[in-house]
């Protein structure tokens, strides 16, 4: 995950975020843990905590979920391993990261597939989401129905990118994920995989010329101090979801499953709205800091990926069911 570990306001670390509630007369019947990379005041965490409060209240104290933000329980690989072993009950992860487990789970993160949020929500609340949950279930992972939002990824750079030609040979930092690395390589850039913690210094020293992230990540990590151009490529949507060990979750009493699922899904819908407002605020702040936003025609980018075999490759990895669901929303890709 590439969200900056720096809080939007002020992060408290080292302890779970818990609702302040009256002391229960007895211990919880189900005492659970939820791990996440997001800082405490990010909408992902704020709405997660609200969901745990509602679950505790609705279950009359039977279900208590302790929320651990800021990667307190480990990195993405660590937390996913804990979920798979049954040591962690819930984990907030990205669709793109889940491609490492089963590519069909991350169809929504494919490069230049979706043009806007209307297309995204139609897909993930429909067939793309259904197939993703089915693919996750095949590896014993339960994905809750509603996706959360981290934002569209844009390209930040030290020099303007006005066309595909401007990206040729540019050293761009990307996450250590084949879906992202392969995309930028196909576009003619020179992708460099590195940890997010190294990015600010790497931009400052010109080790890399650019990076790609959702706007909130860019703002919280203060990358605008070392780069002044953001190209609105919106090349990938970073969708998030909450996952659990399928065997363990489906073994819970039906009423407990229902209470958890309903509140997790409701929280996801509220988080989407909170992120919409936050992105508007962050863009204004970046512009005030001197960042120039560049709108760009993305059709040549998609065509280049098609010609380079990027879509054909991922069609093979995801399988025909996932690909058919994807193209219902995106139109023909491969």
C-alpha atoms as a PDB file:
ATOM      1  CA  UNK A   1       0.000   0.000   0.000  1.00  0.00           C
ATOM      2  CA  UNK A   2       1.335   3.429  -0.794  1.00  0.00           C
ATOM      3  CA  UNK A   3      -0.601   5.769   1.453  1.00  0.00           C
ATOM      4  CA  UNK A   4       1.783   7.984   3.395  1.00  0.00           C
ATOM      5  CA  UNK A   5       2.261   6.941   6.973  1.00  0.00           C
ATOM      6  CA  UNK A   6       2.133  10.629   7.897  1.00  0.00           C
ATOM      7  CA  UNK A   7      -1.301  11.534   9.267  1.00  0.00           C
ATOM      8  CA  UNK A   8      -3.517  14.136   7.661  1.00  0.00           C
ATOM      9  CA  UNK A   9      -3.813  15.812  11.050  1.00  0.00           C
ATOM     10  CA  UNK A  10      -2.055  13.959  13.846  1.00  0.00           C
ATOM     11  CA  UNK A  11      -1.719  10.204  14.077  1.00  0.00           C
ATOM     12  CA  UNK A  12      -1.656   8.356  17.346  1.00  0.00           C
ATOM     13  CA  UNK A  13       0.146   5.041  17.049  1.00  0.00           C
ATOM     14  CA  UNK A  14       0.824   1.992  19.128  1.00  0.00           C
ATOM     15  CA  UNK A  15      -2.730   1.283  20.240  1.00  0.00           C
ATOM     16  CA  UNK A  16      -6.002   0.308  18.586  1.00  0.00           C
ATOM     17  CA  UNK A  17      -8.712   2.890  17.972  1.00  0.00           C
ATOM     18  CA  UNK A  18     -11.611   2.056  20.217  1.00  0.00           C
ATOM     19  CA  UNK A  19     -14.996   3.604  20.729  1.00  0.00           C
ATOM     20  CA  UNK A  20     -15.531   5.262  24.112  1.00  0.00           C
ATOM     21  CA  UNK A  21     -18.423   3.270  25.459  1.00  0.00           C
ATOM     22  CA  UNK A  22     -19.880   2.284  28.824  1.00  0.00           C
ATOM     23  CA  UNK A  23     -18.154  -0.673  30.436  1.00  0.00           C
ATOM     24  CA  UNK A  24     -19.844  -3.894  29.419  1.00  0.00           C
ATOM     25  CA  UNK A  25     -21.177  -6.103  32.172  1.00  0.00           C
ATOM     26  CA  UNK A  26     -19.443  -9.106  30.645  1.00  0.00           C
ATOM     27  CA  UNK A  27     -16.648  -9.856  28.221  1.00  0.00           C
ATOM     28  CA  UNK A  28     -17.450  -9.815  24.525  1.00  0.00           C
ATOM     29  CA  UNK A  29     -18.462 -13.140  23.023  1.00  0.00           C
ATOM     30  CA  UNK A  30     -16.515 -12.235  19.882  1.00  0.00           C
ATOM     31  CA  UNK A  31     -13.367 -10.193  20.471  1.00  0.00           C
ATOM     32  CA  UNK A  32     -11.883  -9.323  17.077  1.00  0.00           C
ATOM     33  CA  UNK A  33      -9.043  -7.356  15.455  1.00  0.00           C
ATOM     34  CA  UNK A  34      -9.054  -5.230  12.312  1.00  0.00           C
ATOM     35  CA  UNK A  35      -5.761  -4.116  10.765  1.00  0.00           C
ATOM     36  CA  UNK A  36      -5.198  -1.286   8.289  1.00  0.00           C
ATOM     37  CA  UNK A  37      -2.403   0.787   6.752  1.00  0.00           C
ATOM     38  CA  UNK A  38      -4.438   4.021   6.936  1.00  0.00           C
ATOM     39  CA  UNK A  39      -3.657   6.729   9.524  1.00  0.00           C
ATOM     40  CA  UNK A  40      -6.278   7.327  12.235  1.00  0.00           C
ATOM     41  CA  UNK A  41      -7.813  10.432  10.662  1.00  0.00           C
ATOM     42  CA  UNK A  42      -8.044   9.152   7.086  1.00  0.00           C
ATOM     43  CA  UNK A  43     -11.669   8.514   5.997  1.00  0.00           C
ATOM     44  CA  UNK A  44     -10.850   4.799   5.784  1.00  0.00           C
ATOM     45  CA  UNK A  45     -10.052   4.741   9.504  1.00  0.00           C
ATOM     46  CA  UNK A  46     -12.683   7.245  10.651  1.00  0.00           C
ATOM     47  CA  UNK A  47     -15.486   5.248   9.061  1.00  0.00           C
ATOM     48  CA  UNK A  48     -14.019   1.922  10.155  1.00  0.00           C
ATOM     49  CA  UNK A  49     -14.109   3.025  13.789  1.00  0.00           C
ATOM     50  CA  UNK A  50     -17.688   4.256  13.426  1.00  0.00           C
ATOM     51  CA  UNK A  51     -18.616   0.852  12.034  1.00  0.00           C
ATOM     52  CA  UNK A  52     -17.078  -0.914  15.042  1.00  0.00           C
ATOM     53  CA  UNK A  53     -19.048   1.354  17.382  1.00  0.00           C
ATOM     54  CA  UNK A  54     -22.310   0.510  15.645  1.00  0.00           C
ATOM     55  CA  UNK A  55     -21.498  -3.199  15.622  1.00  0.00           C
ATOM     56  CA  UNK A  56     -20.802  -3.166  19.365  1.00  0.00           C
ATOM     57  CA  UNK A  57     -24.041  -1.303  20.057  1.00  0.00           C
ATOM     58  CA  UNK A  58     -26.234  -3.381  17.746  1.00  0.00           C
ATOM     59  CA  UNK A  59     -24.828  -6.655  19.062  1.00  0.00           C
ATOM     60  CA  UNK A  60     -25.291  -5.421  22.657  1.00  0.00           C
ATOM     61  CA  UNK A  61     -21.626  -5.952  23.373  1.00  0.00           C
ATOM     62  CA  UNK A  62     -21.392  -9.472  21.942  1.00  0.00           C
ATOM     63  CA  UNK A  63     -19.062  -8.299  19.142  1.00  0.00           C
ATOM     64  CA  UNK A  64     -16.139  -5.999  19.911  1.00  0.00           C
ATOM     65  CA  UNK A  65     -13.750  -5.146  17.068  1.00  0.00           C
ATOM     66  CA  UNK A  66     -10.488  -3.382  17.897  1.00  0.00           C
ATOM     67  CA  UNK A  67      -9.198  -1.298  14.987  1.00  0.00           C
ATOM     68  CA  UNK A  68      -5.427  -0.982  14.491  1.00  0.00           C
ATOM     69  CA  UNK A  69      -4.452   1.820  12.034  1.00  0.00           C
ATOM     70  CA  UNK A  70      -1.086   2.888  10.590  1.00  0.00           C
ATOM     71  CA  UNK A  71       0.158  -0.650   9.873  1.00  0.00           C
ATOM     72  CA  UNK A  72       0.540  -1.395  13.582  1.00  0.00           C
ATOM     73  CA  UNK A  73      -0.040  -5.082  12.858  1.00  0.00           C
ATOM     74  CA  UNK A  74       2.487  -5.186  10.011  1.00  0.00           C
ATOM     75  CA  UNK A  75       2.692  -4.381   6.315  1.00  0.00           C
ATOM     76  CA  UNK A  76       0.295  -5.615   3.669  1.00  0.00           C
ATOM     77  CA  UNK A  77       2.041  -8.944   3.186  1.00  0.00           C
ATOM     78  CA  UNK A  78       2.121  -9.499   6.953  1.00  0.00           C
ATOM     79  CA  UNK A  79      -1.546  -8.702   7.501  1.00  0.00           C
ATOM     80  CA  UNK A  80      -2.712 -10.778   4.556  1.00  0.00           C
ATOM     81  CA  UNK A  81      -0.704 -13.710   5.919  1.00  0.00           C
ATOM     82  CA  UNK A  82      -2.316 -13.219   9.326  1.00  0.00           C
ATOM     83  CA  UNK A  83      -5.803 -13.227   7.790  1.00  0.00           C
ATOM     84  CA  UNK A  84      -5.065 -16.389   5.831  1.00  0.00           C
ATOM     85  CA  UNK A  85      -3.767 -18.146   8.952  1.00  0.00           C
ATOM     86  CA  UNK A  86      -6.730 -16.959  11.032  1.00  0.00           C
ATOM     87  CA  UNK A  87      -4.639 -14.775  13.355  1.00  0.00           C
ATOM     88  CA  UNK A  88      -6.286 -11.531  12.147  1.00  0.00           C
ATOM     89  CA  UNK A  89     -10.035 -11.161  11.728  1.00  0.00           C
ATOM     90  CA  UNK A  90     -10.264  -8.244   9.275  1.00  0.00           C
ATOM     91  CA  UNK A  91      -7.842  -6.360   7.053  1.00  0.00           C
ATOM     92  CA  UNK A  92      -8.240  -3.314   4.798  1.00  0.00           C
ATOM     93  CA  UNK A  93      -6.419  -3.895   1.513  1.00  0.00           C
ATOM     94  CA  UNK A  94      -6.399  -2.702  -2.081  1.00  0.00           C
ATOM     95  CA  UNK A  95      -7.699  -4.521  -5.123  1.00  0.00           C
ATOM     96  CA  UNK A  96      -4.313  -3.994  -6.782  1.00  0.00           C
ATOM     97  CA  UNK A  97      -2.457  -5.726  -3.940  1.00  0.00           C
ATOM     98  CA  UNK A  98      -4.869  -8.649  -4.031  1.00  0.00           C
ATOM     99  CA  UNK A  99      -3.794  -9.396  -7.615  1.00  0.00           C
ATOM    100  CA  UNK A 100      -0.778 -11.075  -5.996  1.00  0.00           C
ATOM    101  CA  UNK A 101      -3.183 -13.664  -4.583  1.00  0.00           C
ATOM    102  CA  UNK A 102      -5.615 -13.977  -7.466  1.00  0.00           C
ATOM    103  CA  UNK A 103      -5.504 -11.553 -10.447  1.00  0.00           C
ATOM    104  CA  UNK A 104      -9.293 -11.665 -10.918  1.00  0.00           C
ATOM    105  CA  UNK A 105      -9.790 -10.051  -7.496  1.00  0.00           C
ATOM    106  CA  UNK A 106      -8.051  -6.909  -8.744  1.00  0.00           C
ATOM    107  CA  UNK A 107      -9.732  -6.378 -12.121  1.00  0.00           C
ATOM    108  CA  UNK A 108     -10.919  -2.931 -11.013  1.00  0.00           C
ATOM    109  CA  UNK A 109      -7.289  -1.715 -10.801  1.00  0.00           C
ATOM    110  CA  UNK A 110      -6.411  -2.397 -14.441  1.00  0.00           C
ATOM    111  CA  UNK A 111      -4.615   0.466 -16.189  1.00  0.00           C
ATOM    112  CA  UNK A 112      -6.740   3.048 -18.057  1.00  0.00           C
ATOM    113  CA  UNK A 113      -9.818   0.860 -17.776  1.00  0.00           C
ATOM    114  CA  UNK A 114     -12.247   3.332 -16.152  1.00  0.00           C
ATOM    115  CA  UNK A 115     -12.783   6.953 -17.101  1.00  0.00           C
ATOM    116  CA  UNK A 116     -14.649   8.188 -14.018  1.00  0.00           C
ATOM    117  CA  UNK A 117     -16.330   7.295 -10.735  1.00  0.00           C
ATOM    118  CA  UNK A 118     -19.709   6.638 -12.353  1.00  0.00           C
ATOM    119  CA  UNK A 119     -18.126   3.816 -14.340  1.00  0.00           C
ATOM    120  CA  UNK A 120     -16.226   2.555 -11.291  1.00  0.00           C
ATOM    121  CA  UNK A 121     -19.195   2.324  -8.949  1.00  0.00           C
ATOM    122  CA  UNK A 122     -21.346   0.652 -11.605  1.00  0.00           C
ATOM    123  CA  UNK A 123     -18.643  -1.982 -12.098  1.00  0.00           C
ATOM    124  CA  UNK A 124     -17.614  -2.769  -8.528  1.00  0.00           C
ATOM    125  CA  UNK A 125     -21.167  -2.634  -7.193  1.00  0.00           C
ATOM    126  CA  UNK A 126     -22.123  -4.964 -10.039  1.00  0.00           C
ATOM    127  CA  UNK A 127     -20.473  -7.730 -12.050  1.00  0.00           C
ATOM    128  CA  UNK A 128     -16.817  -6.796 -11.464  1.00  0.00           C
ATOM    129  CA  UNK A 129     -17.372  -6.854  -7.721  1.00  0.00           C
ATOM    130  CA  UNK A 130     -19.276 -10.134  -7.868  1.00  0.00           C
ATOM    131  CA  UNK A 131     -16.497 -11.857  -9.802  1.00  0.00           C
ATOM    132  CA  UNK A 132     -13.844 -10.404  -7.483  1.00  0.00           C
ATOM    133  CA  UNK A 133     -15.622 -11.848  -4.442  1.00  0.00           C
ATOM    134  CA  UNK A 134     -15.948 -15.208  -6.174  1.00  0.00           C
ATOM    135  CA  UNK A 135     -12.234 -15.215  -7.042  1.00  0.00           C
ATOM    136  CA  UNK A 136     -11.296 -14.329  -3.471  1.00  0.00           C
ATOM    137  CA  UNK A 137     -13.545 -17.062  -2.106  1.00  0.00           C
ATOM    138  CA  UNK A 138     -11.637 -19.605  -4.207  1.00  0.00           C
ATOM    139  CA  UNK A 139      -8.566 -18.904  -2.056  1.00  0.00           C
ATOM    140  CA  UNK A 140     -10.580 -18.826   1.209  1.00  0.00           C
ATOM    141  CA  UNK A 141     -10.792 -15.026   1.457  1.00  0.00           C
ATOM    142  CA  UNK A 142     -14.104 -13.310   2.199  1.00  0.00           C
ATOM    143  CA  UNK A 143     -14.470  -9.866   0.593  1.00  0.00           C
ATOM    144  CA  UNK A 144     -17.277  -7.668   1.901  1.00  0.00           C
ATOM    145  CA  UNK A 145     -19.637  -6.403  -0.760  1.00  0.00           C
ATOM    146  CA  UNK A 146     -18.963  -2.663  -0.880  1.00  0.00           C
ATOM    147  CA  UNK A 147     -15.614  -1.268  -1.997  1.00  0.00           C
ATOM    148  CA  UNK A 148     -14.022   1.688  -0.237  1.00  0.00           C
ATOM    149  CA  UNK A 149     -12.248   4.499  -2.102  1.00  0.00           C
ATOM    150  CA  UNK A 150      -8.597   5.554  -2.012  1.00  0.00           C
ATOM    151  CA  UNK A 151      -8.791   7.536  -5.243  1.00  0.00           C
ATOM    152  CA  UNK A 152      -7.708   7.570  -8.867  1.00  0.00           C
ATOM    153  CA  UNK A 153      -3.955   7.457  -9.338  1.00  0.00           C
ATOM    154  CA  UNK A 154      -2.339  10.398 -11.137  1.00  0.00           C
ATOM    155  CA  UNK A 155       1.235  11.037 -12.305  1.00  0.00           C
ATOM    156  CA  UNK A 156       3.308  13.631 -10.479  1.00  0.00           C
ATOM    157  CA  UNK A 157       6.533  14.793 -12.111  1.00  0.00           C
ATOM    158  CA  UNK A 158       9.342  17.315 -12.046  1.00  0.00           C
ATOM    159  CA  UNK A 159       8.602  18.308 -15.661  1.00  0.00           C
ATOM    160  CA  UNK A 160       5.238  18.570 -17.416  1.00  0.00           C
ATOM    161  CA  UNK A 161       3.654  15.586 -19.155  1.00  0.00           C
ATOM    162  CA  UNK A 162       1.346  16.872 -21.873  1.00  0.00           C
ATOM    163  CA  UNK A 163       1.290  13.760 -24.043  1.00  0.00           C
ATOM    164  CA  UNK A 164       2.428  10.152 -24.187  1.00  0.00           C
ATOM    165  CA  UNK A 165       5.623  11.336 -25.885  1.00  0.00           C
ATOM    166  CA  UNK A 166       6.615  13.284 -22.751  1.00  0.00           C
ATOM    167  CA  UNK A 167       6.585  10.081 -20.713  1.00  0.00           C
ATOM    168  CA  UNK A 168       9.062   8.177 -22.876  1.00  0.00           C
ATOM    169  CA  UNK A 169      12.081   7.096 -20.834  1.00  0.00           C
ATOM    170  CA  UNK A 170      10.904   8.939 -17.722  1.00  0.00           C
ATOM    171  CA  UNK A 171      11.979   7.291 -14.478  1.00  0.00           C
ATOM    172  CA  UNK A 172       8.726   6.863 -12.547  1.00  0.00           C
ATOM    173  CA  UNK A 173       8.448   5.218  -9.158  1.00  0.00           C
ATOM    174  CA  UNK A 174       5.735   2.549  -9.052  1.00  0.00           C
ATOM    175  CA  UNK A 175       4.588   0.104  -6.346  1.00  0.00           C
ATOM    176  CA  UNK A 176       6.169  -3.335  -6.335  1.00  0.00           C
ATOM    177  CA  UNK A 177       3.235  -4.857  -8.229  1.00  0.00           C
ATOM    178  CA  UNK A 178       3.325  -6.401 -11.726  1.00  0.00           C
ATOM    179  CA  UNK A 179       0.087  -4.658 -12.798  1.00  0.00           C
ATOM    180  CA  UNK A 180       1.654  -1.198 -12.294  1.00  0.00           C
ATOM    181  CA  UNK A 181       5.215  -1.981 -13.360  1.00  0.00           C
ATOM    182  CA  UNK A 182       4.079  -3.666 -16.559  1.00  0.00           C
ATOM    183  CA  UNK A 183       1.734  -0.820 -17.429  1.00  0.00           C
ATOM    184  CA  UNK A 184       4.366   1.923 -17.260  1.00  0.00           C
ATOM    185  CA  UNK A 185       6.918  -0.205 -19.064  1.00  0.00           C
ATOM    186  CA  UNK A 186       4.405  -0.749 -21.870  1.00  0.00           C
ATOM    187  CA  UNK A 187       3.811   3.006 -22.014  1.00  0.00           C
ATOM    188  CA  UNK A 188       7.500   3.597 -22.679  1.00  0.00           C
ATOM    189  CA  UNK A 189       8.456   4.953 -19.284  1.00  0.00           C
ATOM    190  CA  UNK A 190      11.267   3.565 -17.148  1.00  0.00           C
ATOM    191  CA  UNK A 191       9.423   2.287 -14.052  1.00  0.00           C
ATOM    192  CA  UNK A 192      11.368   1.957 -10.806  1.00  0.00           C
ATOM    193  CA  UNK A 193       9.980  -0.115  -7.927  1.00  0.00           C
ATOM    194  CA  UNK A 194      10.826   1.186  -4.460  1.00  0.00           C
ATOM    195  CA  UNK A 195       9.264   1.582  -1.038  1.00  0.00           C
ATOM    196  CA  UNK A 196       7.071   4.650  -0.593  1.00  0.00           C
ATOM    197  CA  UNK A 197       9.223   5.758   2.341  1.00  0.00           C
ATOM    198  CA  UNK A 198      12.126   6.317  -0.077  1.00  0.00           C
ATOM    199  CA  UNK A 199      10.155   8.367  -2.590  1.00  0.00           C
ATOM    200  CA  UNK A 200      10.514  11.914  -1.246  1.00  0.00           C
ATOM    201  CA  UNK A 201      14.310  11.723  -1.118  1.00  0.00           C
ATOM    202  CA  UNK A 202      14.461   9.984  -4.487  1.00  0.00           C
ATOM    203  CA  UNK A 203      12.481  12.806  -6.097  1.00  0.00           C
ATOM    204  CA  UNK A 204      14.571  15.410  -4.291  1.00  0.00           C
ATOM    205  CA  UNK A 205      17.859  13.911  -5.514  1.00  0.00           C
ATOM    206  CA  UNK A 206      16.486  13.248  -9.047  1.00  0.00           C
ATOM    207  CA  UNK A 207      16.939   9.496  -8.678  1.00  0.00           C
ATOM    208  CA  UNK A 208      13.431   9.363 -10.158  1.00  0.00           C
ATOM    209  CA  UNK A 209      11.614  12.060 -12.114  1.00  0.00           C
ATOM    210  CA  UNK A 210       8.083  11.160 -11.188  1.00  0.00           C
ATOM    211  CA  UNK A 211       5.689   8.982  -9.245  1.00  0.00           C
ATOM    212  CA  UNK A 212       2.066   7.905  -9.443  1.00  0.00           C
ATOM    213  CA  UNK A 213      -0.337   8.018  -6.521  1.00  0.00           C
ATOM    214  CA  UNK A 214      -3.801   9.147  -5.467  1.00  0.00           C
ATOM    215  CA  UNK A 215      -3.846  12.880  -4.634  1.00  0.00           C
ATOM    216  CA  UNK A 216      -4.250  12.342  -0.899  1.00  0.00           C
ATOM    217  CA  UNK A 217      -1.058  10.266  -0.765  1.00  0.00           C
ATOM    218  CA  UNK A 218       0.831  12.952  -2.646  1.00  0.00           C
ATOM    219  CA  UNK A 219      -0.398  15.675  -0.312  1.00  0.00           C
ATOM    220  CA  UNK A 220       0.207  13.917   2.996  1.00  0.00           C
ATOM    221  CA  UNK A 221       3.739  12.898   1.979  1.00  0.00           C
ATOM    222  CA  UNK A 222       4.426  16.516   0.900  1.00  0.00           C
ATOM    223  CA  UNK A 223       5.645  15.384  -2.502  1.00  0.00           C
ATOM    224  CA  UNK A 224       4.489  18.748  -3.867  1.00  0.00           C
ATOM    225  CA  UNK A 225       7.627  20.187  -2.277  1.00  0.00           C
ATOM    226  CA  UNK A 226       9.825  18.305  -4.757  1.00  0.00           C
ATOM    227  CA  UNK A 227       7.585  18.193  -7.845  1.00  0.00           C
ATOM    228  CA  UNK A 228       5.275  20.804  -9.276  1.00  0.00           C
ATOM    229  CA  UNK A 229       3.319  19.028 -12.014  1.00  0.00           C
ATOM    230  CA  UNK A 230       0.427  16.579 -11.739  1.00  0.00           C
ATOM    231  CA  UNK A 231      -0.980  15.038 -14.885  1.00  0.00           C
ATOM    232  CA  UNK A 232      -4.580  13.905 -14.544  1.00  0.00           C
ATOM    233  CA  UNK A 233      -4.007  10.497 -16.105  1.00  0.00           C
ATOM    234  CA  UNK A 234      -6.396   8.786 -13.664  1.00  0.00           C
ATOM    235  CA  UNK A 235      -4.686   5.670 -14.978  1.00  0.00           C
ATOM    236  CA  UNK A 236      -5.794   3.322 -12.195  1.00  0.00           C
ATOM    237  CA  UNK A 237      -8.488   3.461  -9.574  1.00  0.00           C
ATOM    238  CA  UNK A 238      -7.271   2.384  -6.145  1.00  0.00           C
ATOM    239  CA  UNK A 239     -10.249   0.562  -4.726  1.00  0.00           C
ATOM    240  CA  UNK A 240     -10.123  -0.812  -1.206  1.00  0.00           C
ATOM    241  CA  UNK A 241     -12.044  -3.528   0.519  1.00  0.00           C
ATOM    242  CA  UNK A 242     -12.185  -5.278   3.846  1.00  0.00           C
ATOM    243  CA  UNK A 243     -11.297  -8.958   3.805  1.00  0.00           C
ATOM    244  CA  UNK A 244     -11.416 -11.796   6.298  1.00  0.00           C
ATOM    245  CA  UNK A 245     -10.669 -15.497   6.489  1.00  0.00           C
ATOM    246  CA  UNK A 246     -13.658 -17.017   4.718  1.00  0.00           C
ATOM    247  CA  UNK A 247     -13.730 -20.236   6.733  1.00  0.00           C
ATOM    248  CA  UNK A 248     -13.677 -18.333  10.023  1.00  0.00           C
ATOM    249  CA  UNK A 249     -16.177 -15.656   9.003  1.00  0.00           C
ATOM    250  CA  UNK A 250     -18.763 -18.070   7.649  1.00  0.00           C
ATOM    251  CA  UNK A 251     -18.464 -20.100  10.867  1.00  0.00           C
ATOM    252  CA  UNK A 252     -19.808 -17.145  12.875  1.00  0.00           C
ATOM    253  CA  UNK A 253     -23.497 -17.165  13.855  1.00  0.00           C
ATOM    254  CA  UNK A 254     -25.683 -15.852  11.030  1.00  0.00           C
ATOM    255  CA  UNK A 255     -26.859 -12.826  13.017  1.00  0.00           C
ATOM    256  CA  UNK A 256     -23.269 -11.830  13.794  1.00  0.00           C
ATOM    257  CA  UNK A 257     -22.284 -12.132  10.131  1.00  0.00           C
ATOM    258  CA  UNK A 258     -25.253  -9.948   9.221  1.00  0.00           C
ATOM    259  CA  UNK A 259     -24.474  -7.237  11.781  1.00  0.00           C
ATOM    260  CA  UNK A 260     -20.837  -7.034  10.704  1.00  0.00           C
ATOM    261  CA  UNK A 261     -21.576  -7.111   6.972  1.00  0.00           C
ATOM    262  CA  UNK A 262     -24.312  -4.471   7.050  1.00  0.00           C
ATOM    263  CA  UNK A 263     -22.229  -2.043   9.065  1.00  0.00           C
ATOM    264  CA  UNK A 264     -19.053  -2.589   7.058  1.00  0.00           C
ATOM    265  CA  UNK A 265     -20.952  -1.969   3.804  1.00  0.00           C
ATOM    266  CA  UNK A 266     -22.712   1.132   5.152  1.00  0.00           C
ATOM    267  CA  UNK A 267     -19.392   2.528   6.339  1.00  0.00           C
ATOM    268  CA  UNK A 268     -17.905   1.974   2.877  1.00  0.00           C
ATOM    269  CA  UNK A 269     -20.645   4.046   1.255  1.00  0.00           C
ATOM    270  CA  UNK A 270     -20.082   6.912   3.699  1.00  0.00           C
ATOM    271  CA  UNK A 271     -16.320   6.712   3.165  1.00  0.00           C
ATOM    272  CA  UNK A 272     -16.820   7.152  -0.579  1.00  0.00           C
ATOM    273  CA  UNK A 273     -18.601  10.462   0.028  1.00  0.00           C
ATOM    274  CA  UNK A 274     -15.992  11.587   2.553  1.00  0.00           C
ATOM    275  CA  UNK A 275     -13.221  10.840   0.049  1.00  0.00           C
ATOM    276  CA  UNK A 276     -14.995  12.850  -2.650  1.00  0.00           C
ATOM    277  CA  UNK A 277     -14.974  15.895  -0.403  1.00  0.00           C
ATOM    278  CA  UNK A 278     -11.407  15.287   0.756  1.00  0.00           C
ATOM    279  CA  UNK A 279     -10.087  15.021  -2.810  1.00  0.00           C
ATOM    280  CA  UNK A 280     -11.651  18.370  -3.671  1.00  0.00           C
ATOM    281  CA  UNK A 281     -10.037  19.939  -0.626  1.00  0.00           C
ATOM    282  CA  UNK A 282      -6.637  18.384  -1.309  1.00  0.00           C
ATOM    283  CA  UNK A 283      -6.619  19.549  -4.934  1.00  0.00           C
ATOM    284  CA  UNK A 284      -7.288  23.128  -3.829  1.00  0.00           C
ATOM    285  CA  UNK A 285      -4.457  22.917  -1.301  1.00  0.00           C
ATOM    286  CA  UNK A 286      -2.042  21.533  -3.884  1.00  0.00           C
ATOM    287  CA  UNK A 287      -2.910  24.319  -6.307  1.00  0.00           C
ATOM    288  CA  UNK A 288      -2.348  26.849  -3.522  1.00  0.00           C
ATOM    289  CA  UNK A 289       1.083  25.268  -2.976  1.00  0.00           C
ATOM    290  CA  UNK A 290       2.004  25.992  -6.587  1.00  0.00           C
ATOM    291  CA  UNK A 291       1.237  22.646  -8.196  1.00  0.00           C
ATOM    292  CA  UNK A 292       0.043  22.812 -11.801  1.00  0.00           C
ATOM    293  CA  UNK A 293      -2.586  20.271 -12.878  1.00  0.00           C
ATOM    294  CA  UNK A 294      -2.484  19.101 -16.482  1.00  0.00           C
ATOM    295  CA  UNK A 295      -5.451  17.529 -18.260  1.00  0.00           C
ATOM    296  CA  UNK A 296      -4.523  15.020 -20.925  1.00  0.00           C
ATOM    297  CA  UNK A 297      -6.094  12.877 -23.626  1.00  0.00           C
ATOM    298  CA  UNK A 298      -5.777   9.330 -22.296  1.00  0.00           C
ATOM    299  CA  UNK A 299      -6.956   7.562 -25.489  1.00  0.00           C
ATOM    300  CA  UNK A 300      -3.381   7.211 -26.853  1.00  0.00           C
ATOM    301  CA  UNK A 301      -2.295   5.691 -23.528  1.00  0.00           C
ATOM    302  CA  UNK A 302      -4.974   3.022 -23.679  1.00  0.00           C
ATOM    303  CA  UNK A 303      -4.164   2.323 -27.328  1.00  0.00           C
ATOM    304  CA  UNK A 304      -0.459   1.952 -26.510  1.00  0.00           C
ATOM    305  CA  UNK A 305      -1.278  -0.577 -23.789  1.00  0.00           C
ATOM    306  CA  UNK A 306      -3.452  -2.484 -26.238  1.00  0.00           C
ATOM    307  CA  UNK A 307      -0.732  -2.566 -28.890  1.00  0.00           C
ATOM    308  CA  UNK A 308       1.918  -3.587 -26.352  1.00  0.00           C
ATOM    309  CA  UNK A 309      -0.131  -6.606 -25.257  1.00  0.00           C
ATOM    310  CA  UNK A 310      -0.782  -5.336 -21.716  1.00  0.00           C
ATOM    311  CA  UNK A 311      -4.501  -6.054 -21.843  1.00  0.00           C
ATOM    312  CA  UNK A 312      -3.995  -9.404 -23.540  1.00  0.00           C
ATOM    313  CA  UNK A 313      -1.585 -10.407 -20.777  1.00  0.00           C
ATOM    314  CA  UNK A 314      -3.982  -9.491 -17.984  1.00  0.00           C
ATOM    315  CA  UNK A 315      -6.918 -11.076 -19.740  1.00  0.00           C
ATOM    316  CA  UNK A 316      -4.991 -14.326 -19.604  1.00  0.00           C
ATOM    317  CA  UNK A 317      -4.150 -13.844 -15.930  1.00  0.00           C
ATOM    318  CA  UNK A 318      -7.650 -12.838 -14.821  1.00  0.00           C
ATOM    319  CA  UNK A 319      -9.601 -15.370 -16.844  1.00  0.00           C
ATOM    320  CA  UNK A 320     -12.546 -14.968 -19.185  1.00  0.00           C
ATOM    321  CA  UNK A 321     -15.241 -14.498 -16.530  1.00  0.00           C
ATOM    322  CA  UNK A 322     -13.457 -11.565 -14.895  1.00  0.00           C
ATOM    323  CA  UNK A 323     -12.545 -10.069 -18.262  1.00  0.00           C
ATOM    324  CA  UNK A 324     -16.100 -10.271 -19.579  1.00  0.00           C
ATOM    325  CA  UNK A 325     -17.388  -8.567 -16.431  1.00  0.00           C
ATOM    326  CA  UNK A 326     -14.751  -5.850 -16.807  1.00  0.00           C
ATOM    327  CA  UNK A 327     -15.525  -5.120 -20.467  1.00  0.00           C
ATOM    328  CA  UNK A 328     -19.231  -4.736 -19.691  1.00  0.00           C
ATOM    329  CA  UNK A 329     -18.230  -1.513 -17.930  1.00  0.00           C
ATOM    330  CA  UNK A 330     -15.166  -0.424 -19.893  1.00  0.00           C
ATOM    331  CA  UNK A 331     -15.946  -1.468 -23.439  1.00  0.00           C
ATOM    332  CA  UNK A 332     -13.492  -3.483 -25.488  1.00  0.00           C
ATOM    333  CA  UNK A 333      -9.924  -3.444 -24.143  1.00  0.00           C
ATOM    334  CA  UNK A 334      -7.933  -6.357 -25.569  1.00  0.00           C
END
